Amino acid sequence: MNTDLPIEVRGTTKRYGDFTLDGVDLAVEAGQIVGFIGQNGAGKSTTIKALLGLVGLDSGEARILGVPSAELARTSASKVKERVGVVFDTIAMPSHLTVAEVAQLMSCAYSTWDEQAFSAMISRFKLDRAKTVKDLSRGMGMKLSLACALAHNPQVLILDEATAGLDPMARDEVLDLLREFVAVEGPNGEPVNAILMSSHITSDLEKIADEIVCIDAGKIMFTCAKDEITDMMGVARCRMADMESLLQGGALGQEGEVRMLRHDYGIDLLVHDRFEFMREHPEIPCDRMSIDEYMTFMLKGEAAMGFGLPKGGER
């Protein structure tokens, strides 16, 4: 493993009854935001818990800042844990405490606690110090969790559905804060911080992620640069006659390279370079690809070359 990487998971396996996290590989470089996506129960939270040392591994390795996950639960790793900020999808704070009391508790837990930074974020998020945790909305609770995670000056942020429950404007506020976090530079101008962010809100990841990793049924299905998906790829909206022409003309490349989704009205085709496709096939509409659409193609689509066209022409 590369101990210089802020986050690295290699061949991680964990068995839970009927579910198996199966040989997961994942890495986050300094200065990078990696979006971690997948359906409910796909293995995102289990991967994160294994990375944090909250569950033991059956095989493989996981490291944060070069420290194996198994060591993170030990007292000797306390200094490393101070450099890791974590936000889960639930508010992990005593419900009777006020926002001000949460800050006092955190200042006792972290020697690196920065009260000035916390106050600035509380003000930025418009959080009332006198309010108790139980009186905060889900969105405000997530903001408080994020402020706590950032106020002890971490180098790595691990976020599990941290923008869940936030309205669009509040999510944009949080995304701006995350951009600022990864923009921090070391003394020689090198990037130092990194974020692993699981989310069902893929429109957030389209705004800030550098790379997308998709997991399904405990296995990594793809790892792809976000810009490759959203800037280069496309969805060609084909009629049956269009597909027949593309197949006969050899425009779809080698078998298995291109995936498609069949609908009653026609076929959606995954296009790796939509600009080239539009130049060569201006008669076929081709839309920009979203992360959600790419995930659907990869999880539910089929190889275009394996498609048998029905008789009777186009629909």
C-alpha atoms as a PDB file:
ATOM      1  CA  MET A   1       0.000   0.000   0.000  1.00  0.00           C
ATOM      2  CA  ASN A   2       0.985   3.627  -0.546  1.00  0.00           C
ATOM      3  CA  THR A   3       1.374   5.083   2.953  1.00  0.00           C
ATOM      4  CA  ASP A   4       1.530   8.619   1.486  1.00  0.00           C
ATOM      5  CA  LEU A   5      -2.157   8.476   0.535  1.00  0.00           C
ATOM      6  CA  PRO A   6      -4.564  10.064   3.045  1.00  0.00           C
ATOM      7  CA  ILE A   7      -7.059   7.231   2.470  1.00  0.00           C
ATOM      8  CA  GLU A   8      -6.423   3.797   0.982  1.00  0.00           C
ATOM      9  CA  VAL A   9      -8.443   0.576   0.981  1.00  0.00           C
ATOM     10  CA  ARG A  10      -7.037  -2.522  -0.724  1.00  0.00           C
ATOM     11  CA  GLY A  11      -8.780  -5.884  -1.074  1.00  0.00           C
ATOM     12  CA  THR A  12     -10.966  -5.211   1.945  1.00  0.00           C
ATOM     13  CA  THR A  13     -13.382  -8.033   2.749  1.00  0.00           C
ATOM     14  CA  LYS A  14     -15.952  -8.166   5.550  1.00  0.00           C
ATOM     15  CA  ARG A  15     -18.722 -10.770   5.906  1.00  0.00           C
ATOM     16  CA  TYR A  16     -22.051 -10.068   7.625  1.00  0.00           C
ATOM     17  CA  GLY A  17     -24.447 -13.002   7.309  1.00  0.00           C
ATOM     18  CA  ASP A  18     -25.843 -12.774   3.780  1.00  0.00           C
ATOM     19  CA  PHE A  19     -23.797  -9.668   2.904  1.00  0.00           C
ATOM     20  CA  THR A  20     -20.119  -9.596   1.935  1.00  0.00           C
ATOM     21  CA  LEU A  21     -17.924  -6.583   1.357  1.00  0.00           C
ATOM     22  CA  ASP A  22     -15.875  -8.232  -1.355  1.00  0.00           C
ATOM     23  CA  GLY A  23     -12.302  -7.131  -2.138  1.00  0.00           C
ATOM     24  CA  VAL A  24     -12.979  -3.384  -2.084  1.00  0.00           C
ATOM     25  CA  ASP A  25     -10.285  -1.098  -3.522  1.00  0.00           C
ATOM     26  CA  LEU A  26     -10.477   2.647  -2.907  1.00  0.00           C
ATOM     27  CA  ALA A  27      -7.985   5.502  -2.678  1.00  0.00           C
ATOM     28  CA  VAL A  28      -8.138   9.253  -2.049  1.00  0.00           C
ATOM     29  CA  GLU A  29      -5.175  11.500  -2.812  1.00  0.00           C
ATOM     30  CA  ALA A  30      -4.340  14.778  -1.074  1.00  0.00           C
ATOM     31  CA  GLY A  31      -6.322  17.635  -2.594  1.00  0.00           C
ATOM     32  CA  GLN A  32      -8.989  15.240  -3.851  1.00  0.00           C
ATOM     33  CA  ILE A  33     -12.706  14.812  -3.188  1.00  0.00           C
ATOM     34  CA  VAL A  34     -13.876  11.285  -3.980  1.00  0.00           C
ATOM     35  CA  GLY A  35     -17.609  10.672  -4.246  1.00  0.00           C
ATOM     36  CA  PHE A  36     -18.712   7.240  -3.022  1.00  0.00           C
ATOM     37  CA  ILE A  37     -22.039   6.150  -4.511  1.00  0.00           C
ATOM     38  CA  GLY A  38     -24.312   3.120  -4.593  1.00  0.00           C
ATOM     39  CA  GLN A  39     -27.795   1.962  -3.703  1.00  0.00           C
ATOM     40  CA  ASN A  40     -28.960   1.489  -0.114  1.00  0.00           C
ATOM     41  CA  GLY A  41     -27.298  -1.615   1.317  1.00  0.00           C
ATOM     42  CA  ALA A  42     -24.586  -1.631  -1.350  1.00  0.00           C
ATOM     43  CA  GLY A  43     -21.751  -1.430   1.202  1.00  0.00           C
ATOM     44  CA  LYS A  44     -20.878   2.271   1.461  1.00  0.00           C
ATOM     45  CA  SER A  45     -21.334   2.594   5.232  1.00  0.00           C
ATOM     46  CA  THR A  46     -19.698  -0.781   5.875  1.00  0.00           C
ATOM     47  CA  THR A  47     -16.643   0.323   3.869  1.00  0.00           C
ATOM     48  CA  ILE A  48     -16.446   3.559   5.843  1.00  0.00           C
ATOM     49  CA  LYS A  49     -16.787   1.749   9.180  1.00  0.00           C
ATOM     50  CA  ALA A  50     -14.077  -0.728   8.147  1.00  0.00           C
ATOM     51  CA  LEU A  51     -11.818   2.157   7.132  1.00  0.00           C
ATOM     52  CA  LEU A  52     -12.335   3.838  10.516  1.00  0.00           C
ATOM     53  CA  GLY A  53     -11.643   0.627  12.411  1.00  0.00           C
ATOM     54  CA  LEU A  54     -15.208   0.435  13.753  1.00  0.00           C
ATOM     55  CA  VAL A  55     -15.554  -3.088  12.362  1.00  0.00           C
ATOM     56  CA  GLY A  56     -12.769  -5.633  11.918  1.00  0.00           C
ATOM     57  CA  LEU A  57     -11.670  -6.892   8.506  1.00  0.00           C
ATOM     58  CA  ASP A  58     -11.781 -10.511   7.412  1.00  0.00           C
ATOM     59  CA  SER A  59      -9.035  -9.775   4.878  1.00  0.00           C
ATOM     60  CA  GLY A  60      -7.381  -6.906   3.044  1.00  0.00           C
ATOM     61  CA  GLU A  61      -6.065  -3.604   4.338  1.00  0.00           C
ATOM     62  CA  ALA A  62      -7.385  -0.123   5.056  1.00  0.00           C
ATOM     63  CA  ARG A  63      -5.353   2.919   6.110  1.00  0.00           C
ATOM     64  CA  ILE A  64      -5.975   6.531   7.029  1.00  0.00           C
ATOM     65  CA  LEU A  65      -2.903   8.785   6.944  1.00  0.00           C
ATOM     66  CA  GLY A  66      -0.783   5.658   6.738  1.00  0.00           C
ATOM     67  CA  VAL A  67      -2.222   4.085   9.908  1.00  0.00           C
ATOM     68  CA  PRO A  68      -3.973   0.677   9.574  1.00  0.00           C
ATOM     69  CA  SER A  69      -7.656   0.756  10.493  1.00  0.00           C
ATOM     70  CA  ALA A  70      -7.131  -1.892  13.190  1.00  0.00           C
ATOM     71  CA  GLU A  71      -4.837   0.507  15.073  1.00  0.00           C
ATOM     72  CA  LEU A  72      -7.254   3.453  15.010  1.00  0.00           C
ATOM     73  CA  ALA A  73      -9.258   2.020  17.917  1.00  0.00           C
ATOM     74  CA  ARG A  74      -6.185   2.066  20.141  1.00  0.00           C
ATOM     75  CA  THR A  75      -5.226   4.901  22.474  1.00  0.00           C
ATOM     76  CA  SER A  76      -1.854   5.133  20.763  1.00  0.00           C
ATOM     77  CA  ALA A  77      -3.621   6.365  17.599  1.00  0.00           C
ATOM     78  CA  SER A  78      -5.367   9.304  19.305  1.00  0.00           C
ATOM     79  CA  LYS A  79      -3.136  11.875  17.610  1.00  0.00           C
ATOM     80  CA  VAL A  80      -3.970  10.411  14.208  1.00  0.00           C
ATOM     81  CA  LYS A  81      -7.704  10.430  14.983  1.00  0.00           C
ATOM     82  CA  GLU A  82      -7.482  14.136  15.765  1.00  0.00           C
ATOM     83  CA  ARG A  83      -6.498  14.591  12.119  1.00  0.00           C
ATOM     84  CA  VAL A  84      -9.641  12.805  10.905  1.00  0.00           C
ATOM     85  CA  GLY A  85     -13.045  14.492  10.801  1.00  0.00           C
ATOM     86  CA  VAL A  86     -16.090  12.234  10.495  1.00  0.00           C
ATOM     87  CA  VAL A  87     -19.751  13.032   9.864  1.00  0.00           C
ATOM     88  CA  PHE A  88     -22.288  10.190   9.761  1.00  0.00           C
ATOM     89  CA  ASP A  89     -25.872  10.415   8.537  1.00  0.00           C
ATOM     90  CA  THR A  90     -27.145  10.666  12.109  1.00  0.00           C
ATOM     91  CA  ILE A  91     -26.356  13.299  14.734  1.00  0.00           C
ATOM     92  CA  ALA A  92     -24.005  11.565  17.181  1.00  0.00           C
ATOM     93  CA  MET A  93     -24.300  13.999  20.072  1.00  0.00           C
ATOM     94  CA  PRO A  94     -26.265  13.958  23.380  1.00  0.00           C
ATOM     95  CA  SER A  95     -29.657  15.426  22.560  1.00  0.00           C
ATOM     96  CA  HIS A  96     -29.911  17.495  25.767  1.00  0.00           C
ATOM     97  CA  LEU A  97     -26.729  19.506  25.148  1.00  0.00           C
ATOM     98  CA  THR A  98     -26.856  23.001  23.704  1.00  0.00           C
ATOM     99  CA  VAL A  99     -24.693  23.968  20.747  1.00  0.00           C
ATOM    100  CA  ALA A 100     -22.395  25.860  23.164  1.00  0.00           C
ATOM    101  CA  GLU A 101     -22.115  22.790  25.428  1.00  0.00           C
ATOM    102  CA  VAL A 102     -21.283  20.599  22.419  1.00  0.00           C
ATOM    103  CA  ALA A 103     -18.362  22.939  21.720  1.00  0.00           C
ATOM    104  CA  GLN A 104     -17.168  22.630  25.333  1.00  0.00           C
ATOM    105  CA  LEU A 105     -17.343  18.830  25.089  1.00  0.00           C
ATOM    106  CA  MET A 106     -15.391  18.818  21.831  1.00  0.00           C
ATOM    107  CA  SER A 107     -12.717  21.104  23.285  1.00  0.00           C
ATOM    108  CA  CYS A 108     -12.091  18.458  25.958  1.00  0.00           C
ATOM    109  CA  ALA A 109     -11.959  15.645  23.402  1.00  0.00           C
ATOM    110  CA  TYR A 110      -9.571  17.290  20.922  1.00  0.00           C
ATOM    111  CA  SER A 111      -6.307  18.996  21.794  1.00  0.00           C
ATOM    112  CA  THR A 112      -6.455  20.614  18.348  1.00  0.00           C
ATOM    113  CA  TRP A 113      -9.888  22.167  18.921  1.00  0.00           C
ATOM    114  CA  ASP A 114     -10.142  25.671  17.438  1.00  0.00           C
ATOM    115  CA  GLU A 115     -12.922  27.600  19.169  1.00  0.00           C
ATOM    116  CA  GLN A 116     -12.497  30.569  16.844  1.00  0.00           C
ATOM    117  CA  ALA A 117     -12.966  28.360  13.763  1.00  0.00           C
ATOM    118  CA  PHE A 118     -16.020  26.719  15.350  1.00  0.00           C
ATOM    119  CA  SER A 119     -17.579  30.099  16.169  1.00  0.00           C
ATOM    120  CA  ALA A 120     -16.996  31.273  12.597  1.00  0.00           C
ATOM    121  CA  MET A 121     -18.749  28.200  11.183  1.00  0.00           C
ATOM    122  CA  ILE A 122     -21.626  28.445  13.664  1.00  0.00           C
ATOM    123  CA  SER A 123     -22.114  32.050  12.572  1.00  0.00           C
ATOM    124  CA  ARG A 124     -21.823  31.089   8.907  1.00  0.00           C
ATOM    125  CA  PHE A 125     -24.452  28.347   9.372  1.00  0.00           C
ATOM    126  CA  LYS A 126     -26.697  30.621  11.493  1.00  0.00           C
ATOM    127  CA  LEU A 127     -26.768  28.144  14.387  1.00  0.00           C
ATOM    128  CA  ASP A 128     -28.066  29.382  17.750  1.00  0.00           C
ATOM    129  CA  ARG A 129     -25.631  28.504  20.564  1.00  0.00           C
ATOM    130  CA  ALA A 130     -28.488  28.324  23.068  1.00  0.00           C
ATOM    131  CA  LYS A 131     -30.456  25.680  21.160  1.00  0.00           C
ATOM    132  CA  THR A 132     -30.277  22.060  22.255  1.00  0.00           C
ATOM    133  CA  VAL A 133     -29.366  19.298  19.825  1.00  0.00           C
ATOM    134  CA  LYS A 134     -32.882  17.801  20.074  1.00  0.00           C
ATOM    135  CA  ASP A 135     -34.400  21.135  19.003  1.00  0.00           C
ATOM    136  CA  LEU A 136     -32.299  21.360  15.833  1.00  0.00           C
ATOM    137  CA  SER A 137     -33.762  20.333  12.512  1.00  0.00           C
ATOM    138  CA  ARG A 138     -32.010  17.474  10.720  1.00  0.00           C
ATOM    139  CA  GLY A 139     -30.343  19.974   8.412  1.00  0.00           C
ATOM    140  CA  MET A 140     -29.122  22.170  11.282  1.00  0.00           C
ATOM    141  CA  GLY A 141     -27.919  19.065  13.129  1.00  0.00           C
ATOM    142  CA  MET A 142     -25.855  18.041  10.121  1.00  0.00           C
ATOM    143  CA  LYS A 143     -24.371  21.547   9.966  1.00  0.00           C
ATOM    144  CA  LEU A 144     -23.414  21.291  13.644  1.00  0.00           C
ATOM    145  CA  SER A 145     -21.806  17.880  13.009  1.00  0.00           C
ATOM    146  CA  LEU A 146     -19.809  19.300  10.119  1.00  0.00           C
ATOM    147  CA  ALA A 147     -18.708  22.323  12.141  1.00  0.00           C
ATOM    148  CA  CYS A 148     -17.480  19.979  14.893  1.00  0.00           C
ATOM    149  CA  ALA A 149     -15.651  17.795  12.380  1.00  0.00           C
ATOM    150  CA  LEU A 150     -13.846  20.771  10.853  1.00  0.00           C
ATOM    151  CA  ALA A 151     -13.103  22.724  14.037  1.00  0.00           C
ATOM    152  CA  HIS A 152     -10.405  20.330  15.263  1.00  0.00           C
ATOM    153  CA  ASN A 153      -8.323  21.000  12.120  1.00  0.00           C
ATOM    154  CA  PRO A 154      -8.478  17.586  10.430  1.00  0.00           C
ATOM    155  CA  GLN A 155      -6.467  16.585   7.396  1.00  0.00           C
ATOM    156  CA  VAL A 156      -8.989  13.979   6.240  1.00  0.00           C
ATOM    157  CA  LEU A 157     -12.775  14.308   6.125  1.00  0.00           C
ATOM    158  CA  ILE A 158     -15.001  11.236   5.856  1.00  0.00           C
ATOM    159  CA  LEU A 159     -18.623  12.133   5.214  1.00  0.00           C
ATOM    160  CA  ASP A 160     -21.451   9.594   5.138  1.00  0.00           C
ATOM    161  CA  GLU A 161     -24.543  11.319   3.660  1.00  0.00           C
ATOM    162  CA  ALA A 162     -23.480  14.579   5.308  1.00  0.00           C
ATOM    163  CA  THR A 163     -25.666  16.753   3.045  1.00  0.00           C
ATOM    164  CA  ALA A 164     -28.797  14.667   3.661  1.00  0.00           C
ATOM    165  CA  GLY A 165     -31.654  16.748   5.026  1.00  0.00           C
ATOM    166  CA  LEU A 166     -30.228  20.059   3.829  1.00  0.00           C
ATOM    167  CA  ASP A 167     -32.148  22.312   1.456  1.00  0.00           C
ATOM    168  CA  PRO A 168     -30.412  23.240  -1.835  1.00  0.00           C
ATOM    169  CA  MET A 169     -29.074  26.590  -0.570  1.00  0.00           C
ATOM    170  CA  ALA A 170     -27.724  25.022   2.615  1.00  0.00           C
ATOM    171  CA  ARG A 171     -26.082  22.233   0.604  1.00  0.00           C
ATOM    172  CA  ASP A 172     -24.345  24.830  -1.538  1.00  0.00           C
ATOM    173  CA  GLU A 173     -23.025  26.463   1.663  1.00  0.00           C
ATOM    174  CA  VAL A 174     -21.612  23.139   2.802  1.00  0.00           C
ATOM    175  CA  LEU A 175     -20.097  22.401  -0.604  1.00  0.00           C
ATOM    176  CA  ASP A 176     -18.339  25.789  -0.557  1.00  0.00           C
ATOM    177  CA  LEU A 177     -16.878  24.884   2.847  1.00  0.00           C
ATOM    178  CA  LEU A 178     -15.650  21.538   1.506  1.00  0.00           C
ATOM    179  CA  ARG A 179     -14.015  23.238  -1.490  1.00  0.00           C
ATOM    180  CA  GLU A 180     -12.190  25.559   0.887  1.00  0.00           C
ATOM    181  CA  PHE A 181     -11.052  22.571   2.951  1.00  0.00           C
ATOM    182  CA  VAL A 182      -9.400  20.732   0.029  1.00  0.00           C
ATOM    183  CA  ALA A 183      -7.926  23.984  -1.306  1.00  0.00           C
ATOM    184  CA  VAL A 184      -5.676  24.287   1.778  1.00  0.00           C
ATOM    185  CA  GLU A 185      -1.988  24.057   0.837  1.00  0.00           C
ATOM    186  CA  GLY A 186       1.102  22.997   2.732  1.00  0.00           C
ATOM    187  CA  PRO A 187       4.242  25.133   3.196  1.00  0.00           C
ATOM    188  CA  ASN A 188       5.481  24.289  -0.303  1.00  0.00           C
ATOM    189  CA  GLY A 189       2.139  24.816  -2.000  1.00  0.00           C
ATOM    190  CA  GLU A 190       1.267  21.115  -2.025  1.00  0.00           C
ATOM    191  CA  PRO A 191      -2.290  19.896  -1.320  1.00  0.00           C
ATOM    192  CA  VAL A 192      -2.681  18.400   2.145  1.00  0.00           C
ATOM    193  CA  ASN A 193      -6.368  17.681   2.785  1.00  0.00           C
ATOM    194  CA  ALA A 194      -8.669  15.019   1.347  1.00  0.00           C
ATOM    195  CA  ILE A 195     -12.367  14.082   1.445  1.00  0.00           C
ATOM    196  CA  LEU A 196     -14.215  10.792   1.021  1.00  0.00           C
ATOM    197  CA  MET A 197     -17.905  11.617   0.647  1.00  0.00           C
ATOM    198  CA  SER A 198     -20.718   9.109   0.294  1.00  0.00           C
ATOM    199  CA  SER A 199     -23.955  10.600  -0.977  1.00  0.00           C
ATOM    200  CA  HIS A 200     -27.215   9.757  -2.692  1.00  0.00           C
ATOM    201  CA  ILE A 201     -27.395  13.376  -3.879  1.00  0.00           C
ATOM    202  CA  THR A 202     -25.184  12.935  -6.924  1.00  0.00           C
ATOM    203  CA  SER A 203     -25.881  16.495  -8.110  1.00  0.00           C
ATOM    204  CA  ASP A 204     -23.724  17.606  -5.145  1.00  0.00           C
ATOM    205  CA  LEU A 205     -20.920  15.313  -6.286  1.00  0.00           C
ATOM    206  CA  GLU A 206     -21.192  16.711  -9.817  1.00  0.00           C
ATOM    207  CA  LYS A 207     -20.334  20.119  -8.358  1.00  0.00           C
ATOM    208  CA  ILE A 208     -17.302  19.201  -6.252  1.00  0.00           C
ATOM    209  CA  ALA A 209     -16.036  15.621  -6.729  1.00  0.00           C
ATOM    210  CA  ASP A 210     -12.836  14.782  -8.601  1.00  0.00           C
ATOM    211  CA  GLU A 211     -13.523  11.065  -8.842  1.00  0.00           C
ATOM    212  CA  ILE A 212     -16.539   8.801  -8.480  1.00  0.00           C
ATOM    213  CA  VAL A 213     -16.409   5.300  -6.997  1.00  0.00           C
ATOM    214  CA  CYS A 214     -19.512   3.101  -7.250  1.00  0.00           C
ATOM    215  CA  ILE A 215     -20.181   0.052  -5.093  1.00  0.00           C
ATOM    216  CA  ASP A 216     -22.958  -2.496  -5.581  1.00  0.00           C
ATOM    217  CA  ALA A 217     -23.653  -5.659  -3.563  1.00  0.00           C
ATOM    218  CA  GLY A 218     -20.318  -5.218  -1.777  1.00  0.00           C
ATOM    219  CA  LYS A 219     -18.199  -4.935  -4.940  1.00  0.00           C
ATOM    220  CA  ILE A 220     -16.670  -1.901  -6.607  1.00  0.00           C
ATOM    221  CA  MET A 221     -18.380  -1.552  -9.992  1.00  0.00           C
ATOM    222  CA  PHE A 222     -16.418   1.391 -11.370  1.00  0.00           C
ATOM    223  CA  THR A 223     -13.963   4.137 -10.514  1.00  0.00           C
ATOM    224  CA  CYS A 224     -14.050   7.054 -12.931  1.00  0.00           C
ATOM    225  CA  ALA A 225     -13.016  10.712 -13.062  1.00  0.00           C
ATOM    226  CA  LYS A 226     -16.120  12.837 -12.533  1.00  0.00           C
ATOM    227  CA  ASP A 227     -15.238  15.167 -15.409  1.00  0.00           C
ATOM    228  CA  GLU A 228     -14.989  12.196 -17.758  1.00  0.00           C
ATOM    229  CA  ILE A 229     -18.583  11.297 -16.916  1.00  0.00           C
ATOM    230  CA  THR A 230     -20.170  14.748 -16.919  1.00  0.00           C
ATOM    231  CA  ASP A 231     -18.000  16.598 -19.464  1.00  0.00           C
ATOM    232  CA  MET A 232     -17.186  13.946 -22.058  1.00  0.00           C
ATOM    233  CA  MET A 233     -19.806  11.200 -21.925  1.00  0.00           C
ATOM    234  CA  GLY A 234     -23.325  11.417 -23.289  1.00  0.00           C
ATOM    235  CA  VAL A 235     -26.634   9.621 -23.640  1.00  0.00           C
ATOM    236  CA  ALA A 236     -27.666   9.067 -27.260  1.00  0.00           C
ATOM    237  CA  ARG A 237     -31.460   8.836 -27.580  1.00  0.00           C
ATOM    238  CA  CYS A 238     -31.788   6.239 -30.323  1.00  0.00           C
ATOM    239  CA  ARG A 239     -34.704   4.818 -32.243  1.00  0.00           C
ATOM    240  CA  MET A 240     -34.520   1.198 -33.286  1.00  0.00           C
ATOM    241  CA  ALA A 241     -33.539   2.270 -36.803  1.00  0.00           C
ATOM    242  CA  ASP A 242     -30.692   4.381 -35.358  1.00  0.00           C
ATOM    243  CA  MET A 243     -29.351   1.386 -33.433  1.00  0.00           C
ATOM    244  CA  GLU A 244     -29.557  -0.822 -36.490  1.00  0.00           C
ATOM    245  CA  SER A 245     -27.576   1.729 -38.503  1.00  0.00           C
ATOM    246  CA  LEU A 246     -24.931   2.130 -35.755  1.00  0.00           C
ATOM    247  CA  LEU A 247     -24.519  -1.636 -35.406  1.00  0.00           C
ATOM    248  CA  GLN A 248     -24.260  -2.272 -39.116  1.00  0.00           C
ATOM    249  CA  GLY A 249     -21.805   0.591 -39.570  1.00  0.00           C
ATOM    250  CA  GLY A 250     -19.516  -0.652 -36.780  1.00  0.00           C
ATOM    251  CA  ALA A 251     -19.858   2.668 -34.929  1.00  0.00           C
ATOM    252  CA  LEU A 252     -20.187   1.080 -31.502  1.00  0.00           C
ATOM    253  CA  GLY A 253     -16.654  -0.312 -31.250  1.00  0.00           C
ATOM    254  CA  GLN A 254     -15.807  -3.624 -29.652  1.00  0.00           C
ATOM    255  CA  GLU A 255     -18.343  -5.788 -27.873  1.00  0.00           C
ATOM    256  CA  GLY A 256     -18.779  -4.816 -24.235  1.00  0.00           C
ATOM    257  CA  GLU A 257     -17.332  -1.315 -24.667  1.00  0.00           C
ATOM    258  CA  VAL A 258     -20.692   0.409 -25.042  1.00  0.00           C
ATOM    259  CA  ARG A 259     -23.719  -0.094 -22.842  1.00  0.00           C
ATOM    260  CA  MET A 260     -27.372   0.637 -23.438  1.00  0.00           C
ATOM    261  CA  LEU A 261     -30.756   0.727 -21.749  1.00  0.00           C
ATOM    262  CA  ARG A 262     -33.890  -0.380 -23.574  1.00  0.00           C
ATOM    263  CA  HIS A 263     -37.174   1.491 -23.202  1.00  0.00           C
ATOM    264  CA  ASP A 264     -40.594   1.181 -24.810  1.00  0.00           C
ATOM    265  CA  TYR A 265     -39.894   4.281 -26.869  1.00  0.00           C
ATOM    266  CA  GLY A 266     -36.393   3.348 -27.998  1.00  0.00           C
ATOM    267  CA  ILE A 267     -32.871   2.873 -26.670  1.00  0.00           C
ATOM    268  CA  ASP A 268     -30.551   5.029 -24.572  1.00  0.00           C
ATOM    269  CA  LEU A 269     -26.931   4.477 -25.567  1.00  0.00           C
ATOM    270  CA  LEU A 270     -23.885   5.309 -23.438  1.00  0.00           C
ATOM    271  CA  VAL A 271     -21.501   7.406 -25.541  1.00  0.00           C
ATOM    272  CA  HIS A 272     -17.925   7.898 -24.301  1.00  0.00           C
ATOM    273  CA  ASP A 273     -17.289  11.050 -26.372  1.00  0.00           C
ATOM    274  CA  ARG A 274     -20.540  12.878 -27.016  1.00  0.00           C
ATOM    275  CA  PHE A 275     -18.885  15.642 -29.032  1.00  0.00           C
ATOM    276  CA  GLU A 276     -17.412  13.200 -31.541  1.00  0.00           C
ATOM    277  CA  PHE A 277     -20.691  11.274 -31.625  1.00  0.00           C
ATOM    278  CA  MET A 278     -22.689  14.442 -32.375  1.00  0.00           C
ATOM    279  CA  ARG A 279     -20.290  15.361 -35.191  1.00  0.00           C
ATOM    280  CA  GLU A 280     -20.585  11.923 -36.776  1.00  0.00           C
ATOM    281  CA  HIS A 281     -24.298  11.391 -36.066  1.00  0.00           C
ATOM    282  CA  PRO A 282     -25.992  14.817 -35.968  1.00  0.00           C
ATOM    283  CA  GLU A 283     -29.377  13.210 -36.617  1.00  0.00           C
ATOM    284  CA  ILE A 284     -29.346  11.401 -33.230  1.00  0.00           C
ATOM    285  CA  PRO A 285     -30.017  13.514 -30.100  1.00  0.00           C
ATOM    286  CA  CYS A 286     -27.203  13.158 -27.548  1.00  0.00           C
ATOM    287  CA  ASP A 287     -27.532  14.631 -24.063  1.00  0.00           C
ATOM    288  CA  ARG A 288     -24.956  15.310 -21.364  1.00  0.00           C
ATOM    289  CA  MET A 289     -24.398  12.365 -19.012  1.00  0.00           C
ATOM    290  CA  SER A 290     -25.160  12.659 -15.279  1.00  0.00           C
ATOM    291  CA  ILE A 291     -23.591  10.561 -12.530  1.00  0.00           C
ATOM    292  CA  ASP A 292     -26.986   8.961 -11.831  1.00  0.00           C
ATOM    293  CA  GLU A 293     -27.391   7.975 -15.474  1.00  0.00           C
ATOM    294  CA  TYR A 294     -23.869   6.551 -15.697  1.00  0.00           C
ATOM    295  CA  MET A 295     -24.466   4.479 -12.571  1.00  0.00           C
ATOM    296  CA  THR A 296     -27.715   3.164 -14.064  1.00  0.00           C
ATOM    297  CA  PHE A 297     -25.952   2.232 -17.311  1.00  0.00           C
ATOM    298  CA  MET A 298     -23.198   0.388 -15.440  1.00  0.00           C
ATOM    299  CA  LEU A 299     -25.496  -1.425 -12.999  1.00  0.00           C
ATOM    300  CA  LYS A 300     -28.537  -2.131 -15.169  1.00  0.00           C
ATOM    301  CA  GLY A 301     -27.420  -1.667 -18.755  1.00  0.00           C
ATOM    302  CA  GLU A 302     -26.374  -4.337 -21.228  1.00  0.00           C
ATOM    303  CA  ALA A 303     -23.622  -4.534 -23.835  1.00  0.00           C
ATOM    304  CA  ALA A 304     -24.808  -2.885 -27.027  1.00  0.00           C
ATOM    305  CA  MET A 305     -23.130  -5.460 -29.276  1.00  0.00           C
ATOM    306  CA  GLY A 306     -25.091  -8.198 -27.556  1.00  0.00           C
ATOM    307  CA  PHE A 307     -28.413  -6.596 -28.399  1.00  0.00           C
ATOM    308  CA  GLY A 308     -30.758  -8.447 -30.743  1.00  0.00           C
ATOM    309  CA  LEU A 309     -32.867  -6.039 -32.728  1.00  0.00           C
ATOM    310  CA  PRO A 310     -36.509  -7.057 -32.953  1.00  0.00           C
ATOM    311  CA  LYS A 311     -37.961  -7.679 -36.360  1.00  0.00           C
ATOM    312  CA  GLY A 312     -40.358  -5.188 -37.841  1.00  0.00           C
ATOM    313  CA  GLY A 313     -38.211  -2.049 -38.044  1.00  0.00           C
ATOM    314  CA  GLU A 314     -38.188   0.969 -35.800  1.00  0.00           C
ATOM    315  CA  ARG A 315     -40.698   1.773 -33.139  1.00  0.00           C
END
